[in-house]
PDB file of N, CA and C in Angstrom:
ATOM      1  N   MET A   1       0.827  -1.194   0.000  1.00  0.00           N
ATOM      2  CA  MET A   1       0.000   0.000   0.000  1.00  0.00           C
ATOM      3  C   MET A   1       0.875   1.263   0.000  1.00  0.00           C
ATOM      4  N   GLU A   2       1.931   1.235   0.793  1.00  0.00           N
ATOM      5  CA  GLU A   2       2.836   2.384   0.838  1.00  0.00           C
ATOM      6  C   GLU A   2       3.509   2.604  -0.517  1.00  0.00           C
ATOM      7  N   GLN A   3       3.850   1.506  -1.195  1.00  0.00           N
ATOM      8  CA  GLN A   3       4.459   1.613  -2.525  1.00  0.00           C
ATOM      9  C   GLN A   3       3.483   2.269  -3.504  1.00  0.00           C
ATOM     10  N   ALA A   4       2.220   1.911  -3.409  1.00  0.00           N
ATOM     11  CA  ALA A   4       1.208   2.508  -4.292  1.00  0.00           C
ATOM     12  C   ALA A   4       1.097   4.005  -4.048  1.00  0.00           C
ATOM     13  N   ARG A   5       1.192   4.432  -2.798  1.00  0.00           N
ATOM     14  CA  ARG A   5       1.135   5.872  -2.487  1.00  0.00           C
ATOM     15  C   ARG A   5       2.339   6.603  -3.066  1.00  0.00           C
ATOM     16  N   ARG A   6       3.520   5.994  -2.929  1.00  0.00           N
ATOM     17  CA  ARG A   6       4.730   6.609  -3.490  1.00  0.00           C
ATOM     18  C   ARG A   6       4.623   6.683  -5.012  1.00  0.00           C
ATOM     19  N   ASP A   7       4.106   5.613  -5.611  1.00  0.00           N
ATOM     20  CA  ASP A   7       3.942   5.588  -7.060  1.00  0.00           C
ATOM     21  C   ASP A   7       2.956   6.668  -7.506  1.00  0.00           C
ATOM     22  N   ARG A   8       1.872   6.808  -6.782  1.00  0.00           N
ATOM     23  CA  ARG A   8       0.866   7.814  -7.107  1.00  0.00           C
ATOM     24  C   ARG A   8       1.465   9.211  -7.025  1.00  0.00           C
ATOM     25  N   ARG A   9       2.210   9.458  -5.963  1.00  0.00           N
ATOM     26  CA  ARG A   9       2.848  10.774  -5.818  1.00  0.00           C
ATOM     27  C   ARG A   9       3.829  11.029  -6.963  1.00  0.00           C
ATOM     28  N   ALA A  10       4.552   9.990  -7.369  1.00  0.00           N
ATOM     29  CA  ALA A  10       5.516  10.139  -8.461  1.00  0.00           C
ATOM     30  C   ALA A  10       4.799  10.472  -9.770  1.00  0.00           C
ATOM     31  N   VAL A  11       3.681   9.818 -10.030  1.00  0.00           N
ATOM     32  CA  VAL A  11       2.917  10.087 -11.249  1.00  0.00           C
ATOM     33  C   VAL A  11       2.389  11.510 -11.231  1.00  0.00           C
ATOM     34  N   LEU A  12       1.803  11.919 -10.120  1.00  0.00           N
ATOM     35  CA  LEU A  12       1.268  13.271 -10.017  1.00  0.00           C
ATOM     36  C   LEU A  12       2.370  14.314 -10.154  1.00  0.00           C
ATOM     37  N   ARG A  13       3.526  14.051  -9.562  1.00  0.00           N
ATOM     38  CA  ARG A  13       4.665  14.964  -9.659  1.00  0.00           C
ATOM     39  C   ARG A  13       5.126  15.093 -11.121  1.00  0.00           C
ATOM     40  N   GLN A  14       5.172  13.961 -11.837  1.00  0.00           N
ATOM     41  CA  GLN A  14       5.588  14.000 -13.239  1.00  0.00           C
ATOM     42  C   GLN A  14       4.571  14.754 -14.102  1.00  0.00           C
ATOM     43  N   LEU A  15       3.286  14.552 -13.846  1.00  0.00           N
ATOM     44  CA  LEU A  15       2.259  15.280 -14.591  1.00  0.00           C
ATOM     45  C   LEU A  15       2.375  16.785 -14.361  1.00  0.00           C
ATOM     46  N   ARG A  16       2.628  17.184 -13.119  1.00  0.00           N
ATOM     47  CA  ARG A  16       2.806  18.617 -12.824  1.00  0.00           C
ATOM     48  C   ARG A  16       4.042  19.169 -13.527  1.00  0.00           C
ATOM     49  N   ARG A  17       5.087  18.366 -13.558  1.00  0.00           N
ATOM     50  CA  ARG A  17       6.318  18.777 -14.236  1.00  0.00           C
ATOM     51  C   ARG A  17       6.066  18.960 -15.736  1.00  0.00           C
ATOM     52  N   MET A  18       5.263  18.079 -16.311  1.00  0.00           N
ATOM     53  CA  MET A  18       4.934  18.189 -17.727  1.00  0.00           C
ATOM     54  C   MET A  18       4.142  19.460 -18.015  1.00  0.00           C
ATOM     55  N   LEU A  19       3.275  19.843 -17.089  1.00  0.00           N
ATOM     56  CA  LEU A  19       2.499  21.069 -17.273  1.00  0.00           C
ATOM     57  C   LEU A  19       3.386  22.307 -17.243  1.00  0.00           C
ATOM     58  N   ARG A  20       4.439  22.284 -16.432  1.00  0.00           N
ATOM     59  CA  ARG A  20       5.336  23.447 -16.312  1.00  0.00           C
ATOM     60  C   ARG A  20       6.400  23.493 -17.406  1.00  0.00           C
ATOM     61  N   SER A  21       6.646  22.372 -18.044  1.00  0.00           N
ATOM     62  CA  SER A  21       7.722  22.278 -19.023  1.00  0.00           C
ATOM     63  C   SER A  21       7.422  23.095 -20.270  1.00  0.00           C
ATOM     64  N   LYS A  22       8.484  23.588 -20.896  1.00  0.00           N
ATOM     65  CA  LYS A  22       8.359  24.361 -22.133  1.00  0.00           C
ATOM     66  C   LYS A  22       8.849  23.504 -23.299  1.00  0.00           C
ATOM     67  N   PRO A  23       8.277  23.680 -24.475  1.00  0.00           N
ATOM     68  CA  PRO A  23       8.653  22.864 -25.630  1.00  0.00           C
ATOM     69  C   PRO A  23       9.935  23.317 -26.335  1.00  0.00           C
ATOM     70  N   ASN A  24      10.568  24.365 -25.861  1.00  0.00           N
ATOM     71  CA  ASN A  24      11.742  24.942 -26.538  1.00  0.00           C
ATOM     72  C   ASN A  24      12.826  23.908 -26.836  1.00  0.00           C
ATOM     73  N   ASP A  25      13.153  23.086 -25.863  1.00  0.00           N
ATOM     74  CA  ASP A  25      14.246  22.133 -26.053  1.00  0.00           C
ATOM     75  C   ASP A  25      13.878  21.029 -27.045  1.00  0.00           C
ATOM     76  N   ALA A  26      12.601  20.693 -27.131  1.00  0.00           N
ATOM     77  CA  ALA A  26      12.178  19.703 -28.127  1.00  0.00           C
ATOM     78  C   ALA A  26      12.407  20.251 -29.536  1.00  0.00           C
ATOM     79  N   VAL A  27      12.176  21.538 -29.703  1.00  0.00           N
ATOM     80  CA  VAL A  27      12.423  22.177 -30.997  1.00  0.00           C
ATOM     81  C   VAL A  27      13.928  22.231 -31.265  1.00  0.00           C
ATOM     82  N   LYS A  28      14.720  22.527 -30.240  1.00  0.00           N
ATOM     83  CA  LYS A  28      16.180  22.543 -30.406  1.00  0.00           C
ATOM     84  C   LYS A  28      16.684  21.181 -30.856  1.00  0.00           C
ATOM     85  N   LEU A  29      16.087  20.120 -30.318  1.00  0.00           N
ATOM     86  CA  LEU A  29      16.488  18.766 -30.682  1.00  0.00           C
ATOM     87  C   LEU A  29      16.346  18.540 -32.185  1.00  0.00           C
ATOM     88  N   ALA A  30      15.294  19.076 -32.754  1.00  0.00           N
ATOM     89  CA  ALA A  30      15.057  18.908 -34.188  1.00  0.00           C
ATOM     90  C   ALA A  30      16.154  19.549 -35.031  1.00  0.00           C
ATOM     91  N   PHE A  31      16.825  20.567 -34.492  1.00  0.00           N
ATOM     92  CA  PHE A  31      17.848  21.283 -35.258  1.00  0.00           C
ATOM     93  C   PHE A  31      19.277  20.823 -34.951  1.00  0.00           C
ATOM     94  N   LEU A  32      19.438  19.881 -34.044  1.00  0.00           N
ATOM     95  CA  LEU A  32      20.782  19.386 -33.736  1.00  0.00           C
ATOM     96  C   LEU A  32      21.323  18.532 -34.872  1.00  0.00           C
ATOM     97  N   ASP A  33      22.620  18.654 -35.125  1.00  0.00           N
ATOM     98  CA  ASP A  33      23.285  17.789 -36.098  1.00  0.00           C
ATOM     99  C   ASP A  33      23.578  16.441 -35.453  1.00  0.00           C
ATOM    100  N   LYS A  34      23.881  15.471 -36.274  1.00  0.00           N
ATOM    101  CA  LYS A  34      24.243  14.145 -35.770  1.00  0.00           C
ATOM    102  C   LYS A  34      25.496  14.212 -34.902  1.00  0.00           C
ATOM    103  N   ASN A  35      26.345  15.200 -35.141  1.00  0.00           N
ATOM    104  CA  ASN A  35      27.597  15.354 -34.393  1.00  0.00           C
ATOM    105  C   ASN A  35      27.384  15.984 -33.019  1.00  0.00           C
ATOM    106  N   GLU A  36      26.195  16.491 -32.755  1.00  0.00           N
ATOM    107  CA  GLU A  36      25.917  17.196 -31.500  1.00  0.00           C
ATOM    108  C   GLU A  36      25.119  16.353 -30.507  1.00  0.00           C
ATOM    109  N   THR A  37      25.336  15.063 -30.505  1.00  0.00           N
ATOM    110  CA  THR A  37      24.550  14.180 -29.636  1.00  0.00           C
ATOM    111  C   THR A  37      24.790  14.438 -28.153  1.00  0.00           C
ATOM    112  N   ASP A  38      25.935  14.994 -27.796  1.00  0.00           N
ATOM    113  CA  ASP A  38      26.214  15.300 -26.384  1.00  0.00           C
ATOM    114  C   ASP A  38      25.268  16.369 -25.847  1.00  0.00           C
ATOM    115  N   ALA A  39      24.778  17.228 -26.707  1.00  0.00           N
ATOM    116  CA  ALA A  39      23.896  18.316 -26.285  1.00  0.00           C
ATOM    117  C   ALA A  39      22.531  17.803 -25.838  1.00  0.00           C
ATOM    118  N   VAL A  40      22.159  16.602 -26.232  1.00  0.00           N
ATOM    119  CA  VAL A  40      20.843  16.048 -25.879  1.00  0.00           C
ATOM    120  C   VAL A  40      20.700  15.891 -24.369  1.00  0.00           C
ATOM    121  N   ASP A  41      21.784  15.553 -23.688  1.00  0.00           N
ATOM    122  CA  ASP A  41      21.728  15.348 -22.240  1.00  0.00           C
ATOM    123  C   ASP A  41      21.280  16.588 -21.486  1.00  0.00           C
ATOM    124  N   GLY A  42      21.540  17.755 -22.008  1.00  0.00           N
ATOM    125  CA  GLY A  42      21.189  18.992 -21.328  1.00  0.00           C
ATOM    126  C   GLY A  42      19.808  19.532 -21.677  1.00  0.00           C
ATOM    127  N   LEU A  43      19.069  18.834 -22.529  1.00  0.00           N
ATOM    128  CA  LEU A  43      17.761  19.316 -22.972  1.00  0.00           C
ATOM    129  C   LEU A  43      16.645  18.811 -22.054  1.00  0.00           C
ATOM    130  N   ASP A  44      15.650  19.652 -21.851  1.00  0.00           N
ATOM    131  CA  ASP A  44      14.452  19.253 -21.112  1.00  0.00           C
ATOM    132  C   ASP A  44      13.441  18.739 -22.134  1.00  0.00           C
ATOM    133  N   LEU A  45      13.310  17.426 -22.226  1.00  0.00           N
ATOM    134  CA  LEU A  45      12.424  16.806 -23.201  1.00  0.00           C
ATOM    135  C   LEU A  45      11.186  16.212 -22.538  1.00  0.00           C
ATOM    136  N   THR A  46      10.775  16.815 -21.435  1.00  0.00           N
ATOM    137  CA  THR A  46       9.643  16.328 -20.666  1.00  0.00           C
ATOM    138  C   THR A  46       8.367  16.264 -21.493  1.00  0.00           C
ATOM    139  N   LEU A  47       8.141  17.238 -22.337  1.00  0.00           N
ATOM    140  CA  LEU A  47       6.916  17.283 -23.135  1.00  0.00           C
ATOM    141  C   LEU A  47       7.006  16.472 -24.425  1.00  0.00           C
ATOM    142  N   LEU A  48       8.169  15.949 -24.736  1.00  0.00           N
ATOM    143  CA  LEU A  48       8.364  15.217 -25.981  1.00  0.00           C
ATOM    144  C   LEU A  48       7.672  13.864 -25.912  1.00  0.00           C
ATOM    145  N   SER A  49       6.762  13.654 -26.839  1.00  0.00           N
ATOM    146  CA  SER A  49       6.039  12.397 -26.915  1.00  0.00           C
ATOM    147  C   SER A  49       6.678  11.466 -27.942  1.00  0.00           C
ATOM    148  N   GLU A  50       7.099  12.052 -29.056  1.00  0.00           N
ATOM    149  CA  GLU A  50       7.664  11.252 -30.134  1.00  0.00           C
ATOM    150  C   GLU A  50       8.594  12.121 -30.961  1.00  0.00           C
ATOM    151  N   PHE A  51       9.695  11.507 -31.422  1.00  0.00           N
ATOM    152  CA  PHE A  51      10.647  12.218 -32.270  1.00  0.00           C
ATOM    153  C   PHE A  51      11.099  11.275 -33.366  1.00  0.00           C
ATOM    154  N   LYS A  52      11.008  11.750 -34.605  1.00  0.00           N
ATOM    155  CA  LYS A  52      11.463  10.960 -35.750  1.00  0.00           C
ATOM    156  C   LYS A  52      12.282  11.856 -36.660  1.00  0.00           C
ATOM    157  N   ARG A  53      13.341  11.272 -37.228  1.00  0.00           N
ATOM    158  CA  ARG A  53      14.121  11.981 -38.239  1.00  0.00           C
ATOM    159  C   ARG A  53      14.253  11.043 -39.431  1.00  0.00           C
ATOM    160  N   SER A  54      13.833  11.497 -40.584  1.00  0.00           N
ATOM    161  CA  SER A  54      13.897  10.669 -41.786  1.00  0.00           C
ATOM    162  C   SER A  54      15.323  10.668 -42.347  1.00  0.00           C
ATOM    163  N   SER A  55      15.557   9.798 -43.289  1.00  0.00           N
ATOM    164  CA  SER A  55      16.889   9.728 -43.907  1.00  0.00           C
ATOM    165  C   SER A  55      17.219  11.003 -44.672  1.00  0.00           C
ATOM    166  N   SER A  56      16.187  11.748 -45.062  1.00  0.00           N
ATOM    167  CA  SER A  56      16.423  13.017 -45.768  1.00  0.00           C
ATOM    168  C   SER A  56      16.679  14.173 -44.803  1.00  0.00           C
ATOM    169  N   GLY A  57      16.577  13.911 -43.476  1.00  0.00           N
ATOM    170  CA  GLY A  57      16.857  14.940 -42.478  1.00  0.00           C
ATOM    171  C   GLY A  57      15.643  15.660 -41.942  1.00  0.00           C
ATOM    172  N   VAL A  58      14.463  15.328 -42.439  1.00  0.00           N
ATOM    173  CA  VAL A  58      13.232  15.968 -41.961  1.00  0.00           C
ATOM    174  C   VAL A  58      12.913  15.436 -40.566  1.00  0.00           C
ATOM    175  N   ALA A  59      12.665  16.360 -39.638  1.00  0.00           N
ATOM    176  CA  ALA A  59      12.376  15.983 -38.255  1.00  0.00           C
ATOM    177  C   ALA A  59      10.892  16.142 -37.959  1.00  0.00           C
ATOM    178  N   GLU A  60      10.351  15.174 -37.226  1.00  0.00           N
ATOM    179  CA  GLU A  60       8.959  15.230 -36.784  1.00  0.00           C
ATOM    180  C   GLU A  60       8.964  15.198 -35.260  1.00  0.00           C
ATOM    181  N   VAL A  61       8.380  16.228 -34.659  1.00  0.00           N
ATOM    182  CA  VAL A  61       8.331  16.356 -33.201  1.00  0.00           C
ATOM    183  C   VAL A  61       6.879  16.320 -32.761  1.00  0.00           C
ATOM    184  N   LYS A  62       6.559  15.410 -31.845  1.00  0.00           N
ATOM    185  CA  LYS A  62       5.212  15.360 -31.268  1.00  0.00           C
ATOM    186  C   LYS A  62       5.330  15.612 -29.770  1.00  0.00           C
ATOM    187  N   LEU A  63       4.458  16.480 -29.277  1.00  0.00           N
ATOM    188  CA  LEU A  63       4.468  16.838 -27.864  1.00  0.00           C
ATOM    189  C   LEU A  63       3.189  16.336 -27.193  1.00  0.00           C
ATOM    190  N   TRP A  64       3.272  16.119 -25.891  1.00  0.00           N
ATOM    191  CA  TRP A  64       2.092  15.739 -25.128  1.00  0.00           C
ATOM    192  C   TRP A  64       1.118  16.904 -25.110  1.00  0.00           C
ATOM    193  N   ASP A  65      -0.157  16.615 -25.127  1.00  0.00           N
ATOM    194  CA  ASP A  65      -1.223  17.608 -25.091  1.00  0.00           C
ATOM    195  C   ASP A  65      -1.407  18.080 -23.648  1.00  0.00           C
ATOM    196  N   ARG A  66      -1.132  19.348 -23.384  1.00  0.00           N
ATOM    197  CA  ARG A  66      -1.217  19.858 -22.015  1.00  0.00           C
ATOM    198  C   ARG A  66      -2.634  19.841 -21.467  1.00  0.00           C
ATOM    199  N   LEU A  67      -3.609  20.041 -22.302  1.00  0.00           N
ATOM    200  CA  LEU A  67      -4.995  20.001 -21.835  1.00  0.00           C
ATOM    201  C   LEU A  67      -5.344  18.596 -21.342  1.00  0.00           C
ATOM    202  N   LYS A  68      -4.908  17.587 -22.065  1.00  0.00           N
ATOM    203  CA  LYS A  68      -5.151  16.205 -21.633  1.00  0.00           C
ATOM    204  C   LYS A  68      -4.388  15.892 -20.344  1.00  0.00           C
ATOM    205  N   ILE A  69      -3.190  16.425 -20.240  1.00  0.00           N
ATOM    206  CA  ILE A  69      -2.407  16.234 -19.012  1.00  0.00           C
ATOM    207  C   ILE A  69      -3.133  16.867 -17.836  1.00  0.00           C
ATOM    208  N   LEU A  70      -3.635  18.072 -18.040  1.00  0.00           N
ATOM    209  CA  LEU A  70      -4.360  18.773 -16.984  1.00  0.00           C
ATOM    210  C   LEU A  70      -5.613  18.003 -16.582  1.00  0.00           C
ATOM    211  N   GLU A  71      -6.347  17.496 -17.553  1.00  0.00           N
ATOM    212  CA  GLU A  71      -7.539  16.699 -17.254  1.00  0.00           C
ATOM    213  C   GLU A  71      -7.177  15.435 -16.479  1.00  0.00           C
ATOM    214  N   LEU A  72      -6.103  14.781 -16.884  1.00  0.00           N
ATOM    215  CA  LEU A  72      -5.658  13.571 -16.196  1.00  0.00           C
ATOM    216  C   LEU A  72      -5.217  13.887 -14.774  1.00  0.00           C
ATOM    217  N   LEU A  73      -4.487  14.971 -14.614  1.00  0.00           N
ATOM    218  CA  LEU A  73      -4.040  15.381 -13.284  1.00  0.00           C
ATOM    219  C   LEU A  73      -5.231  15.663 -12.380  1.00  0.00           C
ATOM    220  N   ASP A  74      -6.215  16.338 -12.917  1.00  0.00           N
ATOM    221  CA  ASP A  74      -7.417  16.634 -12.145  1.00  0.00           C
ATOM    222  C   ASP A  74      -8.130  15.351 -11.732  1.00  0.00           C
ATOM    223  N   ARG A  75      -8.264  14.435 -12.682  1.00  0.00           N
ATOM    224  CA  ARG A  75      -8.954  13.174 -12.397  1.00  0.00           C
ATOM    225  C   ARG A  75      -8.201  12.321 -11.384  1.00  0.00           C
ATOM    226  N   LEU A  76      -6.878  12.281 -11.493  1.00  0.00           N
ATOM    227  CA  LEU A  76      -6.086  11.448 -10.588  1.00  0.00           C
ATOM    228  C   LEU A  76      -5.896  12.083  -9.217  1.00  0.00           C
ATOM    229  N   SER A  77      -6.024  13.396  -9.143  1.00  0.00           N
ATOM    230  CA  SER A  77      -5.851  14.083  -7.862  1.00  0.00           C
ATOM    231  C   SER A  77      -7.062  13.898  -6.957  1.00  0.00           C
ATOM    232  N   ALA A  78      -8.216  13.672  -7.560  1.00  0.00           N
ATOM    233  CA  ALA A  78      -9.433  13.490  -6.763  1.00  0.00           C
ATOM    234  C   ALA A  78      -9.524  12.042  -6.298  1.00  0.00           C
ATOM    235  N   PRO A  79      -9.729  11.840  -4.987  1.00  0.00           N
ATOM    236  CA  PRO A  79      -9.861  10.472  -4.494  1.00  0.00           C
ATOM    237  C   PRO A  79     -11.094   9.792  -5.082  1.00  0.00           C
ATOM    238  N   GLU A  80     -10.931   8.553  -5.468  1.00  0.00           N
ATOM    239  CA  GLU A  80     -12.030   7.786  -6.053  1.00  0.00           C
ATOM    240  C   GLU A  80     -12.433   6.689  -5.080  1.00  0.00           C
ATOM    241  N   GLY A  81     -13.509   6.920  -4.346  1.00  0.00           N
ATOM    242  CA  GLY A  81     -13.958   5.928  -3.379  1.00  0.00           C
ATOM    243  C   GLY A  81     -12.943   5.693  -2.278  1.00  0.00           C
ATOM    244  N   GLY A  82     -12.173   6.738  -1.959  1.00  0.00           N
ATOM    245  CA  GLY A  82     -11.167   6.594  -0.903  1.00  0.00           C
ATOM    246  C   GLY A  82      -9.873   5.966  -1.385  1.00  0.00           C
ATOM    247  N   GLU A  83      -9.870   5.435  -2.572  1.00  0.00           N
ATOM    248  CA  GLU A  83      -8.670   4.808  -3.128  1.00  0.00           C
ATOM    249  C   GLU A  83      -8.210   5.611  -4.342  1.00  0.00           C
ATOM    250  N   HIS A  84      -7.006   5.370  -4.772  1.00  0.00           N
ATOM    251  CA  HIS A  84      -6.438   6.063  -5.926  1.00  0.00           C
ATOM    252  C   HIS A  84      -6.147   5.044  -7.015  1.00  0.00           C
ATOM    253  N   ALA A  85      -7.163   4.302  -7.374  1.00  0.00           N
ATOM    254  CA  ALA A  85      -7.011   3.246  -8.365  1.00  0.00           C
ATOM    255  C   ALA A  85      -6.594   3.804  -9.723  1.00  0.00           C
ATOM    256  N   GLY A  86      -7.095   4.984 -10.076  1.00  0.00           N
ATOM    257  CA  GLY A  86      -6.746   5.572 -11.362  1.00  0.00           C
ATOM    258  C   GLY A  86      -5.259   5.826 -11.501  1.00  0.00           C
ATOM    259  N   ALA A  87      -4.647   6.369 -10.467  1.00  0.00           N
ATOM    260  CA  ALA A  87      -3.204   6.633 -10.500  1.00  0.00           C
ATOM    261  C   ALA A  87      -2.427   5.331 -10.554  1.00  0.00           C
ATOM    262  N   GLU A  88      -2.886   4.329  -9.843  1.00  0.00           N
ATOM    263  CA  GLU A  88      -2.204   3.038  -9.855  1.00  0.00           C
ATOM    264  C   GLU A  88      -2.269   2.408 -11.241  1.00  0.00           C
ATOM    265  N   LEU A  89      -3.445   2.486 -11.874  1.00  0.00           N
ATOM    266  CA  LEU A  89      -3.580   1.926 -13.217  1.00  0.00           C
ATOM    267  C   LEU A  89      -2.701   2.670 -14.212  1.00  0.00           C
ATOM    268  N   LEU A  90      -2.623   3.991 -14.084  1.00  0.00           N
ATOM    269  CA  LEU A  90      -1.770   4.774 -14.969  1.00  0.00           C
ATOM    270  C   LEU A  90      -0.306   4.382 -14.774  1.00  0.00           C
ATOM    271  N   TYR A  91       0.104   4.269 -13.544  1.00  0.00           N
ATOM    272  CA  TYR A  91       1.492   3.914 -13.257  1.00  0.00           C
ATOM    273  C   TYR A  91       1.814   2.531 -13.837  1.00  0.00           C
ATOM    274  N   GLN A  92       0.904   1.585 -13.679  1.00  0.00           N
ATOM    275  CA  GLN A  92       1.121   0.246 -14.227  1.00  0.00           C
ATOM    276  C   GLN A  92       1.223   0.291 -15.744  1.00  0.00           C
ATOM    277  N   ALA A  93       0.367   1.088 -16.382  1.00  0.00           N
ATOM    278  CA  ALA A  93       0.409   1.215 -17.842  1.00  0.00           C
ATOM    279  C   ALA A  93       1.729   1.827 -18.295  1.00  0.00           C
ATOM    280  N   LEU A  94       2.196   2.843 -17.578  1.00  0.00           N
ATOM    281  CA  LEU A  94       3.477   3.468 -17.927  1.00  0.00           C
ATOM    282  C   LEU A  94       4.628   2.481 -17.767  1.00  0.00           C
ATOM    283  N   GLU A  95       4.592   1.699 -16.705  1.00  0.00           N
ATOM    284  CA  GLU A  95       5.637   0.693 -16.492  1.00  0.00           C
ATOM    285  C   GLU A  95       5.634  -0.350 -17.601  1.00  0.00           C
ATOM    286  N   GLN A  96       4.455  -0.818 -17.982  1.00  0.00           N
ATOM    287  CA  GLN A  96       4.352  -1.821 -19.038  1.00  0.00           C
ATOM    288  C   GLN A  96       4.866  -1.271 -20.361  1.00  0.00           C
ATOM    289  N   ARG A  97       4.537  -0.016 -20.647  1.00  0.00           N
ATOM    290  CA  ARG A  97       5.014   0.589 -21.888  1.00  0.00           C
ATOM    291  C   ARG A  97       6.533   0.712 -21.881  1.00  0.00           C
ATOM    292  N   ALA A  98       7.084   1.120 -20.748  1.00  0.00           N
ATOM    293  CA  ALA A  98       8.539   1.261 -20.645  1.00  0.00           C
ATOM    294  C   ALA A  98       9.215  -0.091 -20.832  1.00  0.00           C
ATOM    295  N   GLU A  99       8.641  -1.138 -20.277  1.00  0.00           N
ATOM    296  CA  GLU A  99       9.216  -2.476 -20.439  1.00  0.00           C
ATOM    297  C   GLU A  99       9.169  -2.908 -21.900  1.00  0.00           C
ATOM    298  N   ARG A 100       8.060  -2.621 -22.582  1.00  0.00           N
ATOM    299  CA  ARG A 100       7.960  -2.977 -24.006  1.00  0.00           C
ATOM    300  C   ARG A 100       8.984  -2.205 -24.824  1.00  0.00           C
ATOM    301  N   GLU A 101       9.184  -0.934 -24.506  1.00  0.00           N
ATOM    302  CA  GLU A 101      10.143  -0.132 -25.254  1.00  0.00           C
ATOM    303  C   GLU A 101      11.563  -0.618 -25.024  1.00  0.00           C
ATOM    304  N   GLU A 102      11.872  -1.087 -23.809  1.00  0.00           N
ATOM    305  CA  GLU A 102      13.196  -1.618 -23.529  1.00  0.00           C
ATOM    306  C   GLU A 102      13.460  -2.877 -24.339  1.00  0.00           C
ATOM    307  N   VAL A 103      12.435  -3.694 -24.521  1.00  0.00           N
ATOM    308  CA  VAL A 103      12.566  -4.922 -25.292  1.00  0.00           C
ATOM    309  C   VAL A 103      12.806  -4.601 -26.750  1.00  0.00           C
ATOM    310  N   HIS A 104      12.124  -3.582 -27.284  1.00  0.00           N
ATOM    311  CA  HIS A 104      12.233  -3.229 -28.698  1.00  0.00           C
ATOM    312  C   HIS A 104      13.408  -2.302 -28.986  1.00  0.00           C
ATOM    313  N   ASP A 105      14.038  -1.741 -27.971  1.00  0.00           N
ATOM    314  CA  ASP A 105      15.137  -0.803 -28.158  1.00  0.00           C
ATOM    315  C   ASP A 105      16.393  -1.573 -28.554  1.00  0.00           C
ATOM    316  N   PRO A 106      17.012  -1.241 -29.702  1.00  0.00           N
ATOM    317  CA  PRO A 106      18.213  -1.995 -30.153  1.00  0.00           C
ATOM    318  C   PRO A 106      19.420  -1.755 -29.304  1.00  0.00           C
TER     319      PRO A 106
END
């Protein structure tokens, strides 16, 4: 139960961080050369949902929708029947996605 509370707080903290984050660094990422990979470590990519660069050099940047984040934060912040099942389900979904991405990551 204590782990679920810590997980819930972590999810809520990350959602709040996403709301405060600015997309500037995601745009900077699109303009970096292949030789500037060290600069990526210093970028705030909190809002970055997806990034693709084609072989021709065209970059596609997708950001998380702040309105949806705000709605989710509102929904997860309100206790549901005394329990925070919504936050727990979100955390589990995020963990499962991260595990799948680790498996597919070369």
